[in-house]
Amino acid sequence: MTAILVSEVGPRDGLQSIDRVMDLEAKKRWISAEAAAGVKEIEVGSFVPPRLLPQMADTAELVAHGLTIPGLRVVALVPNAKGAQRAADAGVHAMSIPFSMSETHSLKNVRKDHAAMLAEIAEVARIAREARIGFAVSLSTAFGCTLEGAVPEATVVRLAEASLEAGAEELSLSDTTGYADPAQVRRLVRAVKAVAGDRLSTLHLHNTRGLGLANAVAGLDEGITTLDASIGGLGGCPYAPGASGNLVTEDLVLMLNAMGYETGIDLETLFAVRHILAEALPGEPLYGFTPDAGPMLDYNERIAR
């Protein structure tokens, strides 16, 4: 049975896209509940200036909480070297930096062109090495951009290779704008793996146009071993218009378990996490087919085979 890591990104990517600030204690309950369901990796927040994203102001406290949970890999996003140093000081197990393949989006998101971002990646890589923590580069807008449109595959491959040369240990392909389709996922994963090999391990998919799970299967077919998702489909990018809807963790876990992949996540326990979000974020829409429909009658037989 093939093991697939489902990485929960809701506390970061989910919350950064909504206006209200979730209570710290509610976030801690959320993280603890997901870990209890068997989720092994959670992106607990991002080390960005609080004035830009007040929703992320308590990330250091969430890292400290996550580190008390046995077996949980605590991850944070960093926008630059300053954020990376804060993440390292907080004690994260790993950190990632977003690198937009669309230069227009990069300038809008972090105010840096590609050359400046590669220099930043090299500095973050140095900090990660010295702190002995994992470091991944998330190749954002890899499948298209709401600001530029199509992003050439050759650009993604070139910048993926440059990211590795700058010190990235791992790469992730991110469908920031929900533009990807399964055929494109297969092509791009194959092309980037030609230069990165197994260092391309992760897909970050959005379900903006309902293709999230199909795109996930396409990635699995090409050897992807980690899939990002968010409870209730919370999330999107605040600097990419229309980029709503992360892959729904509940739907992804149901699909993977039913297909015979090993996730280590108990679906019924995972459902209970939604109650924490519904209570802490009243009126905030939570998506997903599985919580309403429930698993198939033969679900337990499927996951046992």
C-alpha atoms as a PDB file:
ATOM      1  CA  MET A   1       0.000   0.000   0.000  1.00  0.00           C
ATOM      2  CA  THR A   2       1.485   3.353  -1.078  1.00  0.00           C
ATOM      3  CA  ALA A   3       1.705   6.018   1.624  1.00  0.00           C
ATOM      4  CA  ILE A   4       0.547   9.531   0.706  1.00  0.00           C
ATOM      5  CA  LEU A   5       1.119  12.499   2.994  1.00  0.00           C
ATOM      6  CA  VAL A   6      -1.878  14.821   3.309  1.00  0.00           C
ATOM      7  CA  SER A   7      -0.475  18.160   4.459  1.00  0.00           C
ATOM      8  CA  GLU A   8      -3.062  20.398   6.112  1.00  0.00           C
ATOM      9  CA  VAL A   9      -2.609  24.044   5.073  1.00  0.00           C
ATOM     10  CA  GLY A  10      -5.859  25.503   6.423  1.00  0.00           C
ATOM     11  CA  PRO A  11      -4.366  27.347   9.408  1.00  0.00           C
ATOM     12  CA  ARG A  12      -2.215  29.268   6.946  1.00  0.00           C
ATOM     13  CA  ASP A  13      -3.698  29.281   3.455  1.00  0.00           C
ATOM     14  CA  GLY A  14      -7.249  28.989   4.728  1.00  0.00           C
ATOM     15  CA  LEU A  15      -7.175  31.758   7.289  1.00  0.00           C
ATOM     16  CA  GLN A  16      -5.058  34.250   5.353  1.00  0.00           C
ATOM     17  CA  SER A  17      -7.867  34.656   2.837  1.00  0.00           C
ATOM     18  CA  ILE A  18     -10.668  35.625   5.208  1.00  0.00           C
ATOM     19  CA  ASP A  19     -11.092  39.001   6.877  1.00  0.00           C
ATOM     20  CA  ARG A  20     -11.735  37.914  10.449  1.00  0.00           C
ATOM     21  CA  VAL A  21      -9.005  36.786  12.828  1.00  0.00           C
ATOM     22  CA  MET A  22      -9.572  33.366  14.372  1.00  0.00           C
ATOM     23  CA  ASP A  23      -9.023  33.106  18.116  1.00  0.00           C
ATOM     24  CA  LEU A  24      -5.654  31.608  19.096  1.00  0.00           C
ATOM     25  CA  GLU A  25      -7.153  28.991  21.393  1.00  0.00           C
ATOM     26  CA  ALA A  26      -9.525  27.872  18.648  1.00  0.00           C
ATOM     27  CA  LYS A  27      -6.575  27.483  16.288  1.00  0.00           C
ATOM     28  CA  LYS A  28      -4.789  25.344  18.866  1.00  0.00           C
ATOM     29  CA  ARG A  29      -7.872  23.125  19.231  1.00  0.00           C
ATOM     30  CA  TRP A  30      -8.024  22.832  15.442  1.00  0.00           C
ATOM     31  CA  ILE A  31      -4.394  21.754  15.151  1.00  0.00           C
ATOM     32  CA  SER A  32      -4.687  19.292  18.034  1.00  0.00           C
ATOM     33  CA  ALA A  33      -7.890  17.782  16.615  1.00  0.00           C
ATOM     34  CA  GLU A  34      -6.387  17.245  13.165  1.00  0.00           C
ATOM     35  CA  ALA A  35      -3.319  15.623  14.653  1.00  0.00           C
ATOM     36  CA  ALA A  36      -5.601  13.352  16.681  1.00  0.00           C
ATOM     37  CA  ALA A  37      -7.315  12.346  13.420  1.00  0.00           C
ATOM     38  CA  GLY A  38      -3.963  11.196  12.068  1.00  0.00           C
ATOM     39  CA  VAL A  39      -2.815  14.243  10.099  1.00  0.00           C
ATOM     40  CA  LYS A  40       0.976  14.134  10.249  1.00  0.00           C
ATOM     41  CA  GLU A  41       1.911  17.551   8.822  1.00  0.00           C
ATOM     42  CA  ILE A  42       0.262  20.936   9.365  1.00  0.00           C
ATOM     43  CA  GLU A  43       1.271  24.314   7.982  1.00  0.00           C
ATOM     44  CA  VAL A  44       0.367  26.280  11.088  1.00  0.00           C
ATOM     45  CA  GLY A  45       0.878  29.803   9.737  1.00  0.00           C
ATOM     46  CA  SER A  46       3.251  32.192   8.020  1.00  0.00           C
ATOM     47  CA  PHE A  47       5.905  34.543   9.315  1.00  0.00           C
ATOM     48  CA  VAL A  48       4.743  37.690   7.561  1.00  0.00           C
ATOM     49  CA  PRO A  49       4.421  41.195   9.044  1.00  0.00           C
ATOM     50  CA  PRO A  50       1.222  41.311  11.167  1.00  0.00           C
ATOM     51  CA  ARG A  51       0.241  44.618   9.575  1.00  0.00           C
ATOM     52  CA  LEU A  52      -0.050  42.816   6.220  1.00  0.00           C
ATOM     53  CA  LEU A  53      -1.794  39.673   7.477  1.00  0.00           C
ATOM     54  CA  PRO A  54      -3.056  40.085  11.051  1.00  0.00           C
ATOM     55  CA  GLN A  55      -4.546  36.600  10.744  1.00  0.00           C
ATOM     56  CA  MET A  56      -0.977  35.242  10.967  1.00  0.00           C
ATOM     57  CA  ALA A  57       0.237  37.338  13.914  1.00  0.00           C
ATOM     58  CA  ASP A  58       0.183  34.363  16.316  1.00  0.00           C
ATOM     59  CA  THR A  59       2.188  31.949  14.156  1.00  0.00           C
ATOM     60  CA  ALA A  60       5.051  31.624  16.651  1.00  0.00           C
ATOM     61  CA  GLU A  61       2.590  30.616  19.373  1.00  0.00           C
ATOM     62  CA  LEU A  62       1.070  28.019  17.055  1.00  0.00           C
ATOM     63  CA  VAL A  63       4.494  26.609  16.235  1.00  0.00           C
ATOM     64  CA  ALA A  64       5.170  26.272  19.959  1.00  0.00           C
ATOM     65  CA  HIS A  65       1.839  24.477  20.398  1.00  0.00           C
ATOM     66  CA  GLY A  66       2.427  22.178  17.433  1.00  0.00           C
ATOM     67  CA  LEU A  67       5.826  21.163  18.773  1.00  0.00           C
ATOM     68  CA  THR A  68       4.129  19.704  21.868  1.00  0.00           C
ATOM     69  CA  ILE A  69       2.153  17.209  19.741  1.00  0.00           C
ATOM     70  CA  PRO A  70       4.060  13.931  19.281  1.00  0.00           C
ATOM     71  CA  GLY A  71       4.553  12.883  15.671  1.00  0.00           C
ATOM     72  CA  LEU A  72       3.338  16.145  14.118  1.00  0.00           C
ATOM     73  CA  ARG A  73       5.581  17.847  11.573  1.00  0.00           C
ATOM     74  CA  VAL A  74       5.171  21.604  12.052  1.00  0.00           C
ATOM     75  CA  VAL A  75       5.594  23.698   8.916  1.00  0.00           C
ATOM     76  CA  ALA A  76       5.368  27.436   8.232  1.00  0.00           C
ATOM     77  CA  LEU A  77       5.445  29.617   5.145  1.00  0.00           C
ATOM     78  CA  VAL A  78       8.005  32.422   4.916  1.00  0.00           C
ATOM     79  CA  PRO A  79       8.036  35.260   2.365  1.00  0.00           C
ATOM     80  CA  ASN A  80      11.713  36.160   2.727  1.00  0.00           C
ATOM     81  CA  ALA A  81      14.903  35.697   4.754  1.00  0.00           C
ATOM     82  CA  LYS A  82      13.619  37.807   7.635  1.00  0.00           C
ATOM     83  CA  GLY A  83      10.575  35.573   7.964  1.00  0.00           C
ATOM     84  CA  ALA A  84      12.793  32.499   7.622  1.00  0.00           C
ATOM     85  CA  GLN A  85      14.922  33.574  10.554  1.00  0.00           C
ATOM     86  CA  ARG A  86      11.791  34.060  12.658  1.00  0.00           C
ATOM     87  CA  ALA A  87      10.596  30.599  11.646  1.00  0.00           C
ATOM     88  CA  ALA A  88      13.949  29.038  12.513  1.00  0.00           C
ATOM     89  CA  ASP A  89      14.002  30.819  15.873  1.00  0.00           C
ATOM     90  CA  ALA A  90      10.490  29.505  16.577  1.00  0.00           C
ATOM     91  CA  GLY A  91      11.693  25.942  15.970  1.00  0.00           C
ATOM     92  CA  VAL A  92       9.689  24.819  12.924  1.00  0.00           C
ATOM     93  CA  HIS A  93      10.497  21.427  11.473  1.00  0.00           C
ATOM     94  CA  ALA A  94      10.347  22.821   7.954  1.00  0.00           C
ATOM     95  CA  MET A  95       9.501  25.978   6.039  1.00  0.00           C
ATOM     96  CA  SER A  96       8.554  26.883   2.499  1.00  0.00           C
ATOM     97  CA  ILE A  97       8.819  30.025   0.429  1.00  0.00           C
ATOM     98  CA  PRO A  98       6.432  30.872  -2.430  1.00  0.00           C
ATOM     99  CA  PHE A  99       8.125  31.608  -5.743  1.00  0.00           C
ATOM    100  CA  SER A 100       5.680  32.829  -8.371  1.00  0.00           C
ATOM    101  CA  MET A 101       6.353  31.539 -11.874  1.00  0.00           C
ATOM    102  CA  SER A 102       4.387  34.556 -13.096  1.00  0.00           C
ATOM    103  CA  GLU A 103       6.686  37.528 -12.600  1.00  0.00           C
ATOM    104  CA  THR A 104       3.682  39.871 -12.472  1.00  0.00           C
ATOM    105  CA  HIS A 105       2.232  37.869  -9.593  1.00  0.00           C
ATOM    106  CA  SER A 106       5.622  37.792  -7.869  1.00  0.00           C
ATOM    107  CA  LEU A 107       5.853  41.568  -7.966  1.00  0.00           C
ATOM    108  CA  LYS A 108       2.311  41.865  -6.639  1.00  0.00           C
ATOM    109  CA  ASN A 109       2.709  39.207  -3.951  1.00  0.00           C
ATOM    110  CA  VAL A 110       6.206  39.828  -2.562  1.00  0.00           C
ATOM    111  CA  ARG A 111       7.427  42.852  -4.568  1.00  0.00           C
ATOM    112  CA  LYS A 112      10.354  40.961  -6.114  1.00  0.00           C
ATOM    113  CA  ASP A 113      11.172  39.910  -9.670  1.00  0.00           C
ATOM    114  CA  HIS A 114      12.528  36.444 -10.454  1.00  0.00           C
ATOM    115  CA  ALA A 115      16.195  37.372 -10.055  1.00  0.00           C
ATOM    116  CA  ALA A 116      15.558  38.948  -6.655  1.00  0.00           C
ATOM    117  CA  MET A 117      13.527  35.925  -5.551  1.00  0.00           C
ATOM    118  CA  LEU A 118      16.313  33.511  -6.451  1.00  0.00           C
ATOM    119  CA  ALA A 119      18.704  35.576  -4.340  1.00  0.00           C
ATOM    120  CA  GLU A 120      16.171  35.462  -1.494  1.00  0.00           C
ATOM    121  CA  ILE A 121      15.815  31.690  -1.865  1.00  0.00           C
ATOM    122  CA  ALA A 122      19.581  31.277  -1.551  1.00  0.00           C
ATOM    123  CA  GLU A 123      19.578  33.260   1.699  1.00  0.00           C
ATOM    124  CA  VAL A 124      16.617  31.315   3.105  1.00  0.00           C
ATOM    125  CA  ALA A 125      18.379  28.074   2.153  1.00  0.00           C
ATOM    126  CA  ARG A 126      21.420  29.195   4.157  1.00  0.00           C
ATOM    127  CA  ILE A 127      19.254  29.890   7.214  1.00  0.00           C
ATOM    128  CA  ALA A 128      17.554  26.495   6.862  1.00  0.00           C
ATOM    129  CA  ARG A 129      20.872  24.653   6.579  1.00  0.00           C
ATOM    130  CA  GLU A 130      22.309  26.374   9.636  1.00  0.00           C
ATOM    131  CA  ALA A 131      19.155  25.605  11.636  1.00  0.00           C
ATOM    132  CA  ARG A 132      18.999  22.049  10.242  1.00  0.00           C
ATOM    133  CA  ILE A 133      15.378  22.353   9.192  1.00  0.00           C
ATOM    134  CA  GLY A 134      13.657  21.358   5.979  1.00  0.00           C
ATOM    135  CA  PHE A 135      13.278  23.884   3.179  1.00  0.00           C
ATOM    136  CA  ALA A 136      10.964  23.728   0.175  1.00  0.00           C
ATOM    137  CA  VAL A 137      10.242  26.159  -2.634  1.00  0.00           C
ATOM    138  CA  SER A 138       6.608  26.348  -3.699  1.00  0.00           C
ATOM    139  CA  LEU A 139       6.467  27.102  -7.422  1.00  0.00           C
ATOM    140  CA  SER A 140       3.333  29.244  -7.334  1.00  0.00           C
ATOM    141  CA  THR A 141       1.077  30.069 -10.304  1.00  0.00           C
ATOM    142  CA  ALA A 142       2.793  27.164 -12.079  1.00  0.00           C
ATOM    143  CA  PHE A 143      -0.334  26.266 -14.049  1.00  0.00           C
ATOM    144  CA  GLY A 144      -1.473  29.776 -14.966  1.00  0.00           C
ATOM    145  CA  CYS A 145      -1.991  33.243 -13.566  1.00  0.00           C
ATOM    146  CA  THR A 146      -5.043  35.469 -13.259  1.00  0.00           C
ATOM    147  CA  LEU A 147      -2.770  38.447 -13.925  1.00  0.00           C
ATOM    148  CA  GLU A 148      -0.654  37.132 -16.824  1.00  0.00           C
ATOM    149  CA  GLY A 149      -2.638  34.188 -18.161  1.00  0.00           C
ATOM    150  CA  ALA A 150      -0.683  31.178 -19.385  1.00  0.00           C
ATOM    151  CA  VAL A 151       2.718  30.493 -17.810  1.00  0.00           C
ATOM    152  CA  PRO A 152       5.086  28.704 -20.231  1.00  0.00           C
ATOM    153  CA  GLU A 153       6.087  25.216 -19.121  1.00  0.00           C
ATOM    154  CA  ALA A 154       9.691  26.011 -20.036  1.00  0.00           C
ATOM    155  CA  THR A 155       9.651  28.914 -17.567  1.00  0.00           C
ATOM    156  CA  VAL A 156       8.509  26.630 -14.739  1.00  0.00           C
ATOM    157  CA  VAL A 157      11.185  24.038 -15.538  1.00  0.00           C
ATOM    158  CA  ARG A 158      13.934  26.669 -15.751  1.00  0.00           C
ATOM    159  CA  LEU A 159      12.946  28.301 -12.460  1.00  0.00           C
ATOM    160  CA  ALA A 160      12.532  24.919 -10.764  1.00  0.00           C
ATOM    161  CA  GLU A 161      16.095  24.041 -11.697  1.00  0.00           C
ATOM    162  CA  ALA A 162      17.311  27.470 -10.579  1.00  0.00           C
ATOM    163  CA  SER A 163      15.543  27.023  -7.230  1.00  0.00           C
ATOM    164  CA  LEU A 164      17.354  23.741  -6.634  1.00  0.00           C
ATOM    165  CA  GLU A 165      20.665  25.354  -7.533  1.00  0.00           C
ATOM    166  CA  ALA A 166      19.871  28.127  -5.032  1.00  0.00           C
ATOM    167  CA  GLY A 167      19.446  25.562  -2.253  1.00  0.00           C
ATOM    168  CA  ALA A 168      15.893  24.229  -2.246  1.00  0.00           C
ATOM    169  CA  GLU A 169      15.669  20.715  -0.790  1.00  0.00           C
ATOM    170  CA  GLU A 170      12.173  20.071  -2.121  1.00  0.00           C
ATOM    171  CA  LEU A 171       9.814  21.568  -4.679  1.00  0.00           C
ATOM    172  CA  SER A 172       6.059  21.944  -4.784  1.00  0.00           C
ATOM    173  CA  LEU A 173       3.929  22.805  -7.807  1.00  0.00           C
ATOM    174  CA  SER A 174       1.121  25.142  -6.830  1.00  0.00           C
ATOM    175  CA  ASP A 175      -2.097  25.739  -8.757  1.00  0.00           C
ATOM    176  CA  THR A 176      -2.540  29.102  -7.049  1.00  0.00           C
ATOM    177  CA  THR A 177      -5.300  30.251  -9.377  1.00  0.00           C
ATOM    178  CA  GLY A 178      -7.204  27.022  -9.962  1.00  0.00           C
ATOM    179  CA  TYR A 179      -6.235  26.939 -13.645  1.00  0.00           C
ATOM    180  CA  ALA A 180      -4.844  23.392 -13.852  1.00  0.00           C
ATOM    181  CA  ASP A 181      -6.431  20.439 -15.624  1.00  0.00           C
ATOM    182  CA  PRO A 182      -5.374  16.779 -15.276  1.00  0.00           C
ATOM    183  CA  ALA A 183      -3.547  16.591 -18.608  1.00  0.00           C
ATOM    184  CA  GLN A 184      -1.564  19.740 -17.757  1.00  0.00           C
ATOM    185  CA  VAL A 185      -0.743  18.360 -14.311  1.00  0.00           C
ATOM    186  CA  ARG A 186       0.677  15.188 -15.853  1.00  0.00           C
ATOM    187  CA  ARG A 187       2.756  17.136 -18.381  1.00  0.00           C
ATOM    188  CA  LEU A 188       4.159  19.645 -15.924  1.00  0.00           C
ATOM    189  CA  VAL A 189       4.934  17.151 -13.167  1.00  0.00           C
ATOM    190  CA  ARG A 190       6.735  14.970 -15.711  1.00  0.00           C
ATOM    191  CA  ALA A 191       8.688  17.939 -17.082  1.00  0.00           C
ATOM    192  CA  VAL A 192       9.790  19.217 -13.673  1.00  0.00           C
ATOM    193  CA  LYS A 193      10.660  15.725 -12.441  1.00  0.00           C
ATOM    194  CA  ALA A 194      13.003  15.444 -15.427  1.00  0.00           C
ATOM    195  CA  VAL A 195      15.228  18.070 -13.741  1.00  0.00           C
ATOM    196  CA  ALA A 196      14.237  17.615 -10.087  1.00  0.00           C
ATOM    197  CA  GLY A 197      13.558  13.889  -9.699  1.00  0.00           C
ATOM    198  CA  ASP A 198      11.977  12.978  -6.376  1.00  0.00           C
ATOM    199  CA  ARG A 199      12.722  16.437  -5.023  1.00  0.00           C
ATOM    200  CA  LEU A 200       9.422  17.390  -6.641  1.00  0.00           C
ATOM    201  CA  SER A 201       7.173  15.709  -4.095  1.00  0.00           C
ATOM    202  CA  THR A 202       4.163  17.964  -3.572  1.00  0.00           C
ATOM    203  CA  LEU A 203       1.126  19.418  -5.308  1.00  0.00           C
ATOM    204  CA  HIS A 204      -0.805  22.358  -3.883  1.00  0.00           C
ATOM    205  CA  LEU A 205      -4.150  22.345  -5.677  1.00  0.00           C
ATOM    206  CA  HIS A 206      -7.182  24.596  -5.638  1.00  0.00           C
ATOM    207  CA  ASN A 207     -10.678  23.414  -6.450  1.00  0.00           C
ATOM    208  CA  THR A 208     -11.759  26.726  -7.964  1.00  0.00           C
ATOM    209  CA  ARG A 209     -13.256  25.082 -11.060  1.00  0.00           C
ATOM    210  CA  GLY A 210     -14.063  21.687  -9.555  1.00  0.00           C
ATOM    211  CA  LEU A 211     -10.979  19.916 -10.915  1.00  0.00           C
ATOM    212  CA  GLY A 212      -9.034  19.558  -7.681  1.00  0.00           C
ATOM    213  CA  LEU A 213      -9.474  15.827  -7.063  1.00  0.00           C
ATOM    214  CA  ALA A 214      -9.001  14.950 -10.739  1.00  0.00           C
ATOM    215  CA  ASN A 215      -5.774  16.955 -10.701  1.00  0.00           C
ATOM    216  CA  ALA A 216      -4.687  15.138  -7.545  1.00  0.00           C
ATOM    217  CA  VAL A 217      -5.137  11.755  -9.220  1.00  0.00           C
ATOM    218  CA  ALA A 218      -3.125  12.963 -12.202  1.00  0.00           C
ATOM    219  CA  GLY A 219      -0.321  13.957  -9.846  1.00  0.00           C
ATOM    220  CA  LEU A 220      -0.437  10.597  -8.061  1.00  0.00           C
ATOM    221  CA  ASP A 221      -0.123   8.853 -11.421  1.00  0.00           C
ATOM    222  CA  GLU A 222       3.124  10.786 -11.982  1.00  0.00           C
ATOM    223  CA  GLY A 223       4.657   9.920  -8.611  1.00  0.00           C
ATOM    224  CA  ILE A 224       3.556  12.807  -6.377  1.00  0.00           C
ATOM    225  CA  THR A 225       3.621  11.692  -2.723  1.00  0.00           C
ATOM    226  CA  THR A 226       2.348  14.782  -0.830  1.00  0.00           C
ATOM    227  CA  LEU A 227      -0.905  16.665  -1.401  1.00  0.00           C
ATOM    228  CA  ASP A 228      -1.843  19.914   0.332  1.00  0.00           C
ATOM    229  CA  ALA A 229      -5.439  20.383   1.449  1.00  0.00           C
ATOM    230  CA  SER A 230      -7.572  22.513   3.759  1.00  0.00           C
ATOM    231  CA  ILE A 231     -10.431  21.505   6.045  1.00  0.00           C
ATOM    232  CA  GLY A 232     -13.690  22.696   4.527  1.00  0.00           C
ATOM    233  CA  GLY A 233     -11.828  23.970   1.465  1.00  0.00           C
ATOM    234  CA  LEU A 234     -10.951  27.204   3.248  1.00  0.00           C
ATOM    235  CA  GLY A 235      -8.466  29.369   1.429  1.00  0.00           C
ATOM    236  CA  GLY A 236      -7.067  30.930  -1.677  1.00  0.00           C
ATOM    237  CA  CYS A 237      -4.525  33.605  -2.507  1.00  0.00           C
ATOM    238  CA  PRO A 238      -5.362  37.194  -1.459  1.00  0.00           C
ATOM    239  CA  TYR A 239      -3.124  38.534  -4.262  1.00  0.00           C
ATOM    240  CA  ALA A 240      -4.589  36.443  -7.097  1.00  0.00           C
ATOM    241  CA  PRO A 241      -8.131  37.560  -7.960  1.00  0.00           C
ATOM    242  CA  GLY A 242     -10.641  34.718  -8.083  1.00  0.00           C
ATOM    243  CA  ALA A 243      -8.245  32.110  -6.657  1.00  0.00           C
ATOM    244  CA  SER A 244     -10.667  30.642  -4.138  1.00  0.00           C
ATOM    245  CA  GLY A 245     -11.061  27.181  -2.766  1.00  0.00           C
ATOM    246  CA  ASN A 246      -8.297  24.852  -1.596  1.00  0.00           C
ATOM    247  CA  LEU A 247      -8.636  21.126  -2.074  1.00  0.00           C
ATOM    248  CA  VAL A 248     -11.035  19.908   0.643  1.00  0.00           C
ATOM    249  CA  THR A 249      -9.160  17.746   3.159  1.00  0.00           C
ATOM    250  CA  GLU A 250     -12.202  15.585   3.931  1.00  0.00           C
ATOM    251  CA  ASP A 251     -12.887  14.823   0.254  1.00  0.00           C
ATOM    252  CA  LEU A 252      -9.221  14.131  -0.458  1.00  0.00           C
ATOM    253  CA  VAL A 253      -8.865  11.733   2.485  1.00  0.00           C
ATOM    254  CA  LEU A 254     -12.015   9.840   1.480  1.00  0.00           C
ATOM    255  CA  MET A 255     -10.722   9.448  -2.089  1.00  0.00           C
ATOM    256  CA  LEU A 256      -7.213   8.384  -1.114  1.00  0.00           C
ATOM    257  CA  ASN A 257      -8.364   5.906   1.522  1.00  0.00           C
ATOM    258  CA  ALA A 258     -10.995   4.434  -0.800  1.00  0.00           C
ATOM    259  CA  MET A 259      -8.413   4.062  -3.585  1.00  0.00           C
ATOM    260  CA  GLY A 260      -6.164   2.040  -1.319  1.00  0.00           C
ATOM    261  CA  TYR A 261      -3.548   4.660  -0.476  1.00  0.00           C
ATOM    262  CA  GLU A 262      -2.283   4.819   3.096  1.00  0.00           C
ATOM    263  CA  THR A 263      -2.920   8.222   4.741  1.00  0.00           C
ATOM    264  CA  GLY A 264      -3.119   7.235   8.390  1.00  0.00           C
ATOM    265  CA  ILE A 265      -6.111   9.588   8.759  1.00  0.00           C
ATOM    266  CA  ASP A 266      -9.422   8.510  10.284  1.00  0.00           C
ATOM    267  CA  LEU A 267     -12.230  10.136   8.331  1.00  0.00           C
ATOM    268  CA  GLU A 268     -14.869  10.180  11.083  1.00  0.00           C
ATOM    269  CA  THR A 269     -12.449  11.844  13.504  1.00  0.00           C
ATOM    270  CA  LEU A 270     -11.543  14.348  10.806  1.00  0.00           C
ATOM    271  CA  PHE A 271     -15.206  15.323  10.344  1.00  0.00           C
ATOM    272  CA  ALA A 272     -15.309  16.559  13.946  1.00  0.00           C
ATOM    273  CA  VAL A 273     -12.677  19.195  13.166  1.00  0.00           C
ATOM    274  CA  ARG A 274     -15.266  21.090  11.105  1.00  0.00           C
ATOM    275  CA  HIS A 275     -17.243  21.803  14.267  1.00  0.00           C
ATOM    276  CA  ILE A 276     -14.292  23.765  15.674  1.00  0.00           C
ATOM    277  CA  LEU A 277     -14.173  25.942  12.551  1.00  0.00           C
ATOM    278  CA  ALA A 278     -17.958  26.401  12.419  1.00  0.00           C
ATOM    279  CA  GLU A 279     -17.978  27.569  16.025  1.00  0.00           C
ATOM    280  CA  ALA A 280     -14.944  29.863  15.694  1.00  0.00           C
ATOM    281  CA  LEU A 281     -15.894  31.271  12.276  1.00  0.00           C
ATOM    282  CA  PRO A 282     -19.714  31.504  12.258  1.00  0.00           C
ATOM    283  CA  GLY A 283     -21.103  32.185   8.808  1.00  0.00           C
ATOM    284  CA  GLU A 284     -17.860  31.288   7.019  1.00  0.00           C
ATOM    285  CA  PRO A 285     -18.723  28.778   4.270  1.00  0.00           C
ATOM    286  CA  LEU A 286     -17.237  25.305   4.607  1.00  0.00           C
ATOM    287  CA  TYR A 287     -17.164  23.161   1.491  1.00  0.00           C
ATOM    288  CA  GLY A 288     -16.933  19.455   0.749  1.00  0.00           C
ATOM    289  CA  PHE A 289     -19.180  16.669  -0.493  1.00  0.00           C
ATOM    290  CA  THR A 290     -18.013  13.996   1.927  1.00  0.00           C
ATOM    291  CA  PRO A 291     -19.160  15.611   5.212  1.00  0.00           C
ATOM    292  CA  ASP A 292     -22.739  15.758   3.883  1.00  0.00           C
ATOM    293  CA  ALA A 293     -22.881  12.459   1.981  1.00  0.00           C
ATOM    294  CA  GLY A 294     -20.690  10.415   4.303  1.00  0.00           C
ATOM    295  CA  PRO A 295     -18.455   7.546   3.194  1.00  0.00           C
ATOM    296  CA  MET A 296     -19.679   4.722   0.951  1.00  0.00           C
ATOM    297  CA  LEU A 297     -21.329   1.708   2.624  1.00  0.00           C
ATOM    298  CA  ASP A 298     -18.318  -0.431   1.691  1.00  0.00           C
ATOM    299  CA  TYR A 299     -15.768   2.243   2.667  1.00  0.00           C
ATOM    300  CA  ASN A 300     -14.175   0.202   5.460  1.00  0.00           C
ATOM    301  CA  GLU A 301     -13.813  -2.796   3.147  1.00  0.00           C
ATOM    302  CA  ARG A 302     -12.150  -0.579   0.548  1.00  0.00           C
ATOM    303  CA  ILE A 303      -9.548   0.811   2.922  1.00  0.00           C
ATOM    304  CA  ALA A 304      -8.831  -2.632   4.376  1.00  0.00           C
ATOM    305  CA  ARG A 305      -8.062  -4.305   1.066  1.00  0.00           C
END
